[in-house]
N, C-alpha and C. Protein backbone atom coordinates (compact mmCIF):
# COMPACT_ATOMS: atom_id res chain seq x y z
N MET A 1 6.53 4.43 1.06
CA MET A 1 5.31 3.96 1.80
C MET A 1 4.53 3.04 0.74
N GLN A 2 4.34 1.94 1.27
CA GLN A 2 3.34 1.10 0.34
C GLN A 2 2.58 0.02 1.14
N GLN A 3 1.44 -0.33 0.67
CA GLN A 3 0.65 -1.34 1.39
C GLN A 3 1.47 -2.67 1.11
N LEU A 4 1.50 -3.49 2.24
CA LEU A 4 2.20 -4.65 2.39
C LEU A 4 1.12 -5.78 1.93
N PRO A 5 1.34 -6.66 0.87
CA PRO A 5 0.49 -7.56 0.51
C PRO A 5 0.35 -8.77 1.32
N LEU A 6 1.58 -9.19 2.07
CA LEU A 6 1.53 -10.26 2.95
C LEU A 6 0.82 -11.56 2.34
N GLN A 7 1.15 -11.81 1.18
CA GLN A 7 0.53 -13.02 0.49
C GLN A 7 1.49 -14.28 0.70
N SER A 8 2.71 -14.17 0.64
CA SER A 8 3.61 -15.11 0.82
C SER A 8 4.01 -15.46 2.27
N ASN A 9 4.51 -16.51 2.64
CA ASN A 9 5.06 -16.71 3.91
C ASN A 9 6.45 -15.94 4.06
N GLU A 10 7.25 -15.84 3.01
CA GLU A 10 8.36 -14.87 3.12
C GLU A 10 7.94 -13.44 3.43
N ASP A 11 6.95 -12.90 2.79
CA ASP A 11 6.57 -11.55 3.03
C ASP A 11 6.19 -11.35 4.48
N ILE A 12 5.52 -12.37 5.07
CA ILE A 12 5.00 -12.48 6.46
C ILE A 12 6.26 -12.54 7.40
N LEU A 13 7.19 -13.38 6.97
CA LEU A 13 8.35 -13.55 7.94
C LEU A 13 9.15 -12.24 8.05
N ILE A 14 9.17 -11.49 6.89
CA ILE A 14 9.85 -10.22 6.87
C ILE A 14 9.26 -9.33 7.83
N LEU A 15 7.90 -9.15 7.88
CA LEU A 15 7.18 -8.30 8.74
C LEU A 15 7.23 -8.93 10.10
N LEU A 16 7.15 -10.16 10.35
CA LEU A 16 7.45 -10.68 11.75
C LEU A 16 8.80 -10.41 12.33
N SER A 17 9.78 -10.48 11.45
CA SER A 17 11.33 -10.19 12.12
C SER A 17 11.27 -8.69 12.43
N LEU A 18 10.72 -7.90 11.73
CA LEU A 18 10.63 -6.27 12.10
C LEU A 18 9.69 -6.20 13.50
N GLN A 19 8.58 -6.79 13.25
CA GLN A 19 7.68 -6.90 14.56
C GLN A 19 8.45 -7.27 15.90
N LEU A 20 9.04 -8.44 15.80
CA LEU A 20 9.67 -9.08 16.92
C LEU A 20 10.64 -8.07 17.42
N ALA A 21 11.58 -7.70 16.58
CA ALA A 21 12.62 -6.72 17.07
C ALA A 21 12.08 -5.31 17.61
N SER A 22 11.10 -4.79 16.99
CA SER A 22 10.42 -3.52 17.67
C SER A 22 9.79 -3.76 18.91
N TYR A 23 8.85 -4.71 18.90
CA TYR A 23 8.15 -5.04 20.25
C TYR A 23 8.96 -5.59 21.32
N ARG A 24 10.14 -6.21 21.01
CA ARG A 24 10.99 -6.56 22.18
C ARG A 24 11.39 -5.33 23.00
N VAL A 25 11.65 -4.23 22.30
CA VAL A 25 12.00 -3.07 22.85
C VAL A 25 10.88 -2.45 23.72
N GLU A 26 9.60 -2.36 23.11
CA GLU A 26 8.46 -1.97 23.94
C GLU A 26 8.30 -2.95 25.28
N ALA A 27 8.46 -4.14 25.05
CA ALA A 27 8.37 -5.00 26.18
C ALA A 27 9.31 -4.73 27.34
N ASN A 28 10.49 -4.39 26.91
CA ASN A 28 11.53 -3.80 27.88
C ASN A 28 11.14 -2.57 28.53
N ILE A 29 10.70 -1.65 27.69
CA ILE A 29 10.35 -0.38 28.23
C ILE A 29 9.19 -0.53 29.27
N ILE A 30 8.18 -1.24 28.95
CA ILE A 30 6.99 -1.35 29.91
C ILE A 30 7.22 -2.39 30.89
N GLY A 31 8.27 -3.26 30.85
CA GLY A 31 8.52 -4.21 31.81
C GLY A 31 7.63 -5.46 31.88
N PHE A 32 7.30 -5.68 30.58
CA PHE A 32 6.25 -6.89 30.50
C PHE A 32 6.60 -7.55 29.07
N GLU A 33 7.10 -8.85 29.17
CA GLU A 33 7.56 -9.53 28.10
C GLU A 33 6.45 -10.38 27.36
N ASP A 34 5.34 -10.41 27.86
CA ASP A 34 4.17 -11.21 27.27
C ASP A 34 3.24 -10.49 26.39
N ILE A 35 3.74 -9.43 25.69
CA ILE A 35 2.66 -8.72 25.03
C ILE A 35 2.33 -9.45 23.59
N PRO A 36 1.14 -9.18 23.23
CA PRO A 36 0.70 -10.11 22.06
C PRO A 36 1.52 -9.90 20.80
N PRO A 37 2.02 -8.91 20.35
CA PRO A 37 2.84 -9.06 19.19
C PRO A 37 4.02 -9.78 19.19
N LEU A 38 4.47 -10.25 20.29
CA LEU A 38 5.64 -11.11 20.41
C LEU A 38 5.19 -12.54 20.26
N LYS A 39 3.84 -12.80 20.38
CA LYS A 39 3.29 -14.15 20.13
C LYS A 39 2.93 -14.38 18.59
N ASP A 40 2.82 -13.37 17.80
CA ASP A 40 2.45 -13.64 16.53
C ASP A 40 3.23 -14.69 15.62
N GLY A 41 2.57 -15.37 14.83
CA GLY A 41 3.21 -16.17 13.79
C GLY A 41 2.58 -15.99 12.53
N ILE A 42 3.06 -16.81 11.46
CA ILE A 42 2.54 -16.61 10.19
C ILE A 42 0.99 -16.71 10.05
N GLN A 43 0.50 -17.50 10.69
CA GLN A 43 -0.91 -17.73 10.64
C GLN A 43 -1.72 -16.51 11.28
N SER A 44 -1.17 -16.21 12.46
CA SER A 44 -1.88 -15.00 13.02
C SER A 44 -1.83 -13.77 12.19
N ILE A 45 -0.80 -13.43 11.54
CA ILE A 45 -0.58 -12.38 10.72
C ILE A 45 -1.52 -12.53 9.55
N ARG A 46 -1.45 -13.62 8.93
CA ARG A 46 -2.42 -13.97 7.82
C ARG A 46 -3.87 -13.78 8.00
N GLU A 47 -4.32 -14.11 9.28
CA GLU A 47 -5.66 -14.14 9.71
C GLU A 47 -6.00 -12.64 10.27
N ALA A 48 -5.03 -11.82 10.57
CA ALA A 48 -5.24 -10.55 11.09
C ALA A 48 -6.12 -9.73 10.01
N GLU A 49 -7.20 -9.08 10.51
CA GLU A 49 -8.16 -8.46 9.70
C GLU A 49 -7.68 -6.84 9.72
N GLU A 50 -6.33 -6.69 9.43
CA GLU A 50 -5.67 -5.40 9.49
C GLU A 50 -5.02 -5.01 8.06
N THR A 51 -4.93 -3.87 7.80
CA THR A 51 -4.35 -3.32 6.71
C THR A 51 -2.76 -2.85 7.05
N PHE A 52 -1.84 -3.33 6.38
CA PHE A 52 -0.37 -3.03 6.76
C PHE A 52 0.22 -2.20 5.80
N TYR A 53 0.91 -1.23 6.17
CA TYR A 53 1.81 -0.23 5.27
C TYR A 53 3.09 -0.47 5.72
N GLY A 54 4.10 -0.38 4.79
CA GLY A 54 5.54 -0.39 5.27
C GLY A 54 6.39 0.72 4.67
N TYR A 55 7.31 0.98 5.45
CA TYR A 55 8.26 2.05 5.14
C TYR A 55 9.56 1.37 4.79
N TYR A 56 9.93 1.54 3.56
CA TYR A 56 11.27 0.97 3.03
C TYR A 56 12.52 1.76 2.99
N LEU A 57 13.57 1.31 3.30
CA LEU A 57 14.83 2.14 3.00
C LEU A 57 15.62 1.33 2.03
N HIS A 58 16.20 2.09 1.06
CA HIS A 58 17.12 1.44 0.03
C HIS A 58 18.46 1.43 0.56
N GLU A 59 18.97 0.11 0.90
CA GLU A 59 20.32 0.03 1.41
C GLU A 59 21.09 -1.20 0.65
N GLU A 60 22.37 -0.89 0.32
CA GLU A 60 23.24 -1.87 -0.36
C GLU A 60 22.49 -2.65 -1.39
N GLY A 61 21.79 -1.83 -2.28
CA GLY A 61 21.19 -2.36 -3.53
C GLY A 61 19.93 -3.14 -3.32
N THR A 62 19.36 -3.12 -2.09
CA THR A 62 18.12 -3.65 -1.80
C THR A 62 17.14 -2.93 -0.87
N ASN A 63 16.01 -3.07 -1.03
CA ASN A 63 15.00 -2.48 -0.13
C ASN A 63 14.80 -3.26 1.14
N ARG A 64 14.91 -2.57 2.41
CA ARG A 64 14.66 -3.08 3.55
C ARG A 64 13.56 -2.54 4.28
N LEU A 65 12.63 -3.43 4.84
CA LEU A 65 11.46 -2.99 5.67
C LEU A 65 11.97 -2.44 6.94
N ALA A 66 11.79 -1.13 7.10
CA ALA A 66 12.42 -0.43 8.36
C ALA A 66 11.35 -0.16 9.23
N GLY A 67 10.07 -0.16 8.76
CA GLY A 67 9.01 0.23 9.63
C GLY A 67 7.73 -0.23 9.08
N ALA A 68 6.69 -0.31 9.94
CA ALA A 68 5.37 -0.73 9.43
C ALA A 68 4.15 -0.37 10.39
N ILE A 69 3.07 -0.04 9.74
CA ILE A 69 1.94 0.37 10.72
C ILE A 69 0.73 -0.48 10.08
N SER A 70 -0.13 -0.83 11.06
CA SER A 70 -1.32 -1.62 10.70
C SER A 70 -2.56 -0.95 11.27
N PHE A 71 -3.77 -1.01 10.66
CA PHE A 71 -5.02 -0.49 11.12
C PHE A 71 -6.24 -1.21 10.71
N THR A 72 -7.25 -1.15 11.42
CA THR A 72 -8.65 -1.52 11.08
C THR A 72 -9.49 -0.29 11.00
N GLN A 73 -10.67 -0.58 10.20
CA GLN A 73 -11.59 0.46 9.99
C GLN A 73 -12.99 0.05 10.42
N GLU A 74 -13.66 0.75 11.17
CA GLU A 74 -15.01 0.40 11.52
C GLU A 74 -15.88 1.55 11.40
N GLY A 75 -16.55 1.83 10.17
CA GLY A 75 -17.32 3.00 9.77
C GLY A 75 -16.26 3.93 9.52
N THR A 76 -16.48 5.15 10.23
CA THR A 76 -15.58 6.23 10.07
C THR A 76 -14.42 6.25 11.06
N ALA A 77 -14.21 5.20 11.84
CA ALA A 77 -13.15 5.17 12.92
C ALA A 77 -12.02 4.21 12.48
N ILE A 78 -10.86 4.73 12.64
CA ILE A 78 -9.67 3.92 12.31
C ILE A 78 -8.93 3.65 13.64
N THR A 79 -8.65 2.36 13.91
CA THR A 79 -7.89 1.95 14.99
C THR A 79 -6.50 1.46 14.43
N ILE A 80 -5.38 2.22 15.01
CA ILE A 80 -4.15 1.90 14.71
C ILE A 80 -3.87 0.75 15.51
N CYS A 81 -3.47 -0.48 15.12
CA CYS A 81 -3.29 -1.68 15.73
C CYS A 81 -1.83 -1.97 15.89
N ARG A 82 -0.84 -1.58 15.18
CA ARG A 82 0.52 -1.85 15.35
C ARG A 82 1.26 -0.64 14.59
N MET A 83 2.25 -0.25 15.42
CA MET A 83 3.36 0.67 14.86
C MET A 83 4.75 0.01 15.26
N MET A 84 5.62 -0.12 14.48
CA MET A 84 6.75 -0.73 14.50
C MET A 84 7.88 -0.22 13.69
N VAL A 85 8.97 0.06 14.39
CA VAL A 85 10.21 0.46 13.62
C VAL A 85 11.39 -0.37 14.26
N HIS A 86 12.28 -0.92 13.11
CA HIS A 86 13.33 -1.80 13.56
C HIS A 86 14.14 -0.85 14.43
N PRO A 87 14.76 -1.42 15.53
CA PRO A 87 15.63 -0.59 16.49
C PRO A 87 16.76 -0.04 15.82
N GLU A 88 17.30 -0.52 14.63
CA GLU A 88 18.47 0.10 13.98
C GLU A 88 18.13 1.43 13.35
N TYR A 89 16.89 1.63 13.11
CA TYR A 89 16.31 2.93 12.60
C TYR A 89 15.46 3.83 13.41
N PHE A 90 15.48 3.55 14.83
CA PHE A 90 14.92 4.50 15.73
C PHE A 90 15.36 5.87 15.52
N ARG A 91 14.60 6.81 15.80
CA ARG A 91 14.87 8.41 15.90
C ARG A 91 15.24 8.96 14.46
N ARG A 92 14.73 8.19 13.51
CA ARG A 92 14.87 8.70 12.08
C ARG A 92 13.57 9.35 11.43
N GLY A 93 12.49 9.29 12.28
CA GLY A 93 11.29 9.91 11.74
C GLY A 93 10.44 8.86 11.11
N ILE A 94 10.72 7.63 11.18
CA ILE A 94 10.04 6.57 10.37
C ILE A 94 8.58 6.42 10.96
N ALA A 95 8.37 6.29 12.31
CA ALA A 95 7.20 6.12 12.79
C ALA A 95 6.26 7.46 12.59
N ARG A 96 6.91 8.47 12.75
CA ARG A 96 6.17 9.83 12.32
C ARG A 96 5.77 9.88 10.95
N SER A 97 6.49 9.32 9.86
CA SER A 97 6.10 9.33 8.56
C SER A 97 5.07 8.30 8.31
N LEU A 98 5.08 7.23 8.92
CA LEU A 98 3.99 6.15 8.90
C LEU A 98 2.66 6.76 9.37
N LEU A 99 2.78 7.33 10.51
CA LEU A 99 1.51 7.86 11.13
C LEU A 99 0.96 8.92 10.44
N GLN A 100 1.74 9.91 9.89
CA GLN A 100 1.24 10.96 9.05
C GLN A 100 0.75 10.35 7.81
N TYR A 101 1.15 9.54 7.09
CA TYR A 101 0.68 8.78 5.86
C TYR A 101 -0.67 8.35 6.15
N ILE A 102 -0.88 7.47 7.16
CA ILE A 102 -2.00 6.81 7.50
C ILE A 102 -3.22 7.97 7.92
N LEU A 103 -2.77 8.84 8.76
CA LEU A 103 -3.76 9.99 8.92
C LEU A 103 -4.14 10.76 7.72
N THR A 104 -3.28 11.11 6.83
CA THR A 104 -3.62 11.82 5.62
C THR A 104 -4.46 10.95 4.75
N GLU A 105 -4.08 9.71 4.58
CA GLU A 105 -4.90 8.88 3.51
C GLU A 105 -6.16 8.54 4.01
N GLN A 106 -6.39 8.24 5.28
CA GLN A 106 -7.49 7.92 5.85
C GLN A 106 -8.61 8.93 6.00
N VAL A 107 -8.22 10.27 6.27
CA VAL A 107 -8.98 11.40 6.22
C VAL A 107 -9.45 11.69 4.73
N ARG A 108 -8.67 11.46 3.83
CA ARG A 108 -9.07 11.60 2.26
C ARG A 108 -10.10 10.63 2.07
N GLY A 109 -10.02 9.39 2.74
CA GLY A 109 -11.01 8.34 2.57
C GLY A 109 -12.21 8.39 3.35
N GLY A 110 -12.43 9.47 4.13
CA GLY A 110 -13.61 9.70 4.95
C GLY A 110 -13.51 9.40 6.50
N ALA A 111 -12.46 9.07 6.98
CA ALA A 111 -12.19 8.76 8.41
C ALA A 111 -12.46 9.99 9.20
N LEU A 112 -13.16 9.82 10.29
CA LEU A 112 -13.57 11.04 11.20
C LEU A 112 -12.88 10.92 12.59
N ARG A 113 -12.30 9.74 12.87
CA ARG A 113 -11.77 9.63 14.18
C ARG A 113 -10.67 8.48 14.07
N PHE A 114 -9.63 8.67 15.04
CA PHE A 114 -8.59 7.78 15.08
C PHE A 114 -8.34 7.31 16.62
N LEU A 115 -7.99 6.07 16.75
CA LEU A 115 -7.70 5.46 18.02
C LEU A 115 -6.47 4.73 18.05
N VAL A 116 -5.66 4.76 19.16
CA VAL A 116 -4.45 3.92 19.20
C VAL A 116 -4.18 3.63 20.77
N SER A 117 -3.66 2.53 21.04
CA SER A 117 -3.32 2.24 22.33
C SER A 117 -1.77 1.89 22.58
N THR A 118 -1.18 2.16 23.48
CA THR A 118 0.18 1.82 23.75
C THR A 118 0.49 1.53 25.35
N GLY A 119 1.58 1.07 25.55
CA GLY A 119 1.93 0.98 26.92
C GLY A 119 2.12 2.42 27.61
N THR A 120 1.55 2.59 28.68
CA THR A 120 1.61 3.94 29.28
C THR A 120 3.05 4.40 29.51
N ASP A 121 4.03 3.51 29.80
CA ASP A 121 5.35 3.84 30.14
C ASP A 121 6.19 3.93 28.84
N ASN A 122 5.55 3.67 27.70
CA ASN A 122 6.33 3.74 26.48
C ASN A 122 6.46 5.22 26.06
N VAL A 123 7.25 6.03 26.62
CA VAL A 123 7.38 7.46 26.52
C VAL A 123 7.49 7.94 25.07
N PRO A 124 8.39 7.19 24.14
CA PRO A 124 8.56 7.75 22.85
C PRO A 124 7.21 7.50 22.06
N ALA A 125 6.51 6.44 22.29
CA ALA A 125 5.18 6.33 21.62
C ALA A 125 4.15 7.35 22.01
N VAL A 126 4.10 7.48 23.30
CA VAL A 126 3.13 8.61 23.98
C VAL A 126 3.48 9.92 23.33
N ARG A 127 4.71 10.35 23.45
CA ARG A 127 5.02 11.53 22.62
C ARG A 127 4.74 11.68 21.26
N LEU A 128 4.91 10.63 20.54
CA LEU A 128 4.59 10.66 19.08
C LEU A 128 3.10 10.85 18.95
N TYR A 129 2.20 10.17 19.71
CA TYR A 129 0.83 10.22 19.46
C TYR A 129 0.24 11.69 19.98
N GLU A 130 0.95 12.21 21.02
CA GLU A 130 0.46 13.45 21.47
C GLU A 130 0.88 14.68 20.61
N SER A 131 2.11 14.32 19.85
CA SER A 131 2.59 15.44 18.91
C SER A 131 1.75 15.55 17.66
N PHE A 132 0.87 14.43 17.46
CA PHE A 132 -0.18 14.48 16.33
C PHE A 132 -1.53 14.87 16.87
N GLY A 133 -1.66 15.28 18.05
CA GLY A 133 -2.90 15.77 18.56
C GLY A 133 -3.73 14.69 19.19
N PHE A 134 -3.31 13.50 19.32
CA PHE A 134 -4.08 12.51 20.11
C PHE A 134 -4.15 12.94 21.46
N THR A 135 -5.21 12.68 22.18
CA THR A 135 -5.35 12.95 23.52
C THR A 135 -5.78 11.66 24.32
N VAL A 136 -5.51 11.62 25.63
CA VAL A 136 -5.78 10.38 26.37
C VAL A 136 -7.43 10.25 26.50
N ARG A 137 -7.83 9.01 26.01
CA ARG A 137 -9.27 8.62 26.05
C ARG A 137 -9.57 7.87 27.36
N ARG A 138 -8.52 6.89 27.72
CA ARG A 138 -8.60 6.02 28.94
C ARG A 138 -7.26 5.57 29.25
N VAL A 139 -7.07 5.19 30.61
CA VAL A 139 -5.82 4.42 31.07
C VAL A 139 -6.56 3.25 31.76
N PHE A 140 -6.02 2.10 31.36
CA PHE A 140 -6.42 0.83 32.14
C PHE A 140 -5.22 -0.20 32.34
N THR A 141 -5.37 -1.04 33.19
CA THR A 141 -4.41 -1.95 33.62
C THR A 141 -4.90 -3.27 33.16
N VAL A 142 -3.87 -3.97 32.66
CA VAL A 142 -4.09 -5.45 32.21
C VAL A 142 -3.10 -6.34 33.07
N PRO A 143 -3.50 -7.38 33.39
CA PRO A 143 -2.67 -8.41 34.06
C PRO A 143 -1.28 -8.46 33.51
N PRO A 144 -0.25 -8.55 34.13
CA PRO A 144 -0.16 -8.43 35.49
C PRO A 144 0.30 -7.03 35.98
N GLY A 145 -0.56 -6.17 35.93
CA GLY A 145 -0.28 -4.81 36.41
C GLY A 145 0.29 -3.75 35.43
N VAL A 146 0.08 -4.19 34.11
CA VAL A 146 0.65 -3.43 33.06
C VAL A 146 -0.38 -2.26 32.67
N ASN A 147 0.09 -1.03 32.63
CA ASN A 147 -0.94 0.20 32.26
C ASN A 147 -0.74 0.33 30.76
N LEU A 148 -1.95 0.47 30.19
CA LEU A 148 -2.15 0.91 28.78
C LEU A 148 -2.91 2.19 28.67
N THR A 149 -2.43 2.95 27.80
CA THR A 149 -3.21 4.23 27.49
C THR A 149 -3.86 4.19 26.13
N THR A 150 -5.14 4.32 25.89
CA THR A 150 -5.80 4.51 24.68
C THR A 150 -5.95 6.08 24.24
N PHE A 151 -5.53 6.46 23.21
CA PHE A 151 -5.55 7.92 22.57
C PHE A 151 -6.48 7.88 21.65
N GLU A 152 -7.07 9.21 21.30
CA GLU A 152 -8.09 9.27 20.36
C GLU A 152 -7.79 10.66 19.83
N ARG A 153 -8.14 10.89 18.53
CA ARG A 153 -7.90 12.09 17.86
C ARG A 153 -9.03 12.28 16.73
N PRO A 154 -9.60 13.36 16.58
CA PRO A 154 -10.49 13.53 15.48
C PRO A 154 -9.76 13.79 14.28
N ALA A 155 -10.47 13.55 13.08
CA ALA A 155 -9.78 13.80 11.66
C ALA A 155 -9.11 15.01 11.55
N MET A 156 -9.89 16.08 11.92
CA MET A 156 -9.34 17.40 11.75
C MET A 156 -9.18 18.09 13.14
N ILE A 157 -7.88 18.56 13.34
CA ILE A 157 -7.67 19.29 14.59
C ILE A 157 -7.04 20.55 14.29
């Protein structure tokens, strides 16, 4: 696990490739192809006021970015903005490792509360967050009728 610097266009393109592959799956699950992560480009990632961490796998003599997570911090509240795993690496515990890392590190840094939103129909994501003690804070609908769920969790449970 390491923080992604995202200084060069090449670094950002690697992240975008992962993001597009991952969020295409979520778009299919929730039945909505127009989700914001599928619209990102180099400039929007560069301008994102998020901290990104990546999960690398060593394959064929090279390190491959297999998953990533991003978050923002406002006071003692952490909002997880993106969680992505390349579909080739689903069901290997990568999202779980990324989430555990961020929760642990941010609690050490003084975080008291965590928030995350996902498509209500994205059952794998919902189960992941619930397994970490996140509870439903609210469910809301965005056009054209896509349900999203925001989850919340205190730092210590």
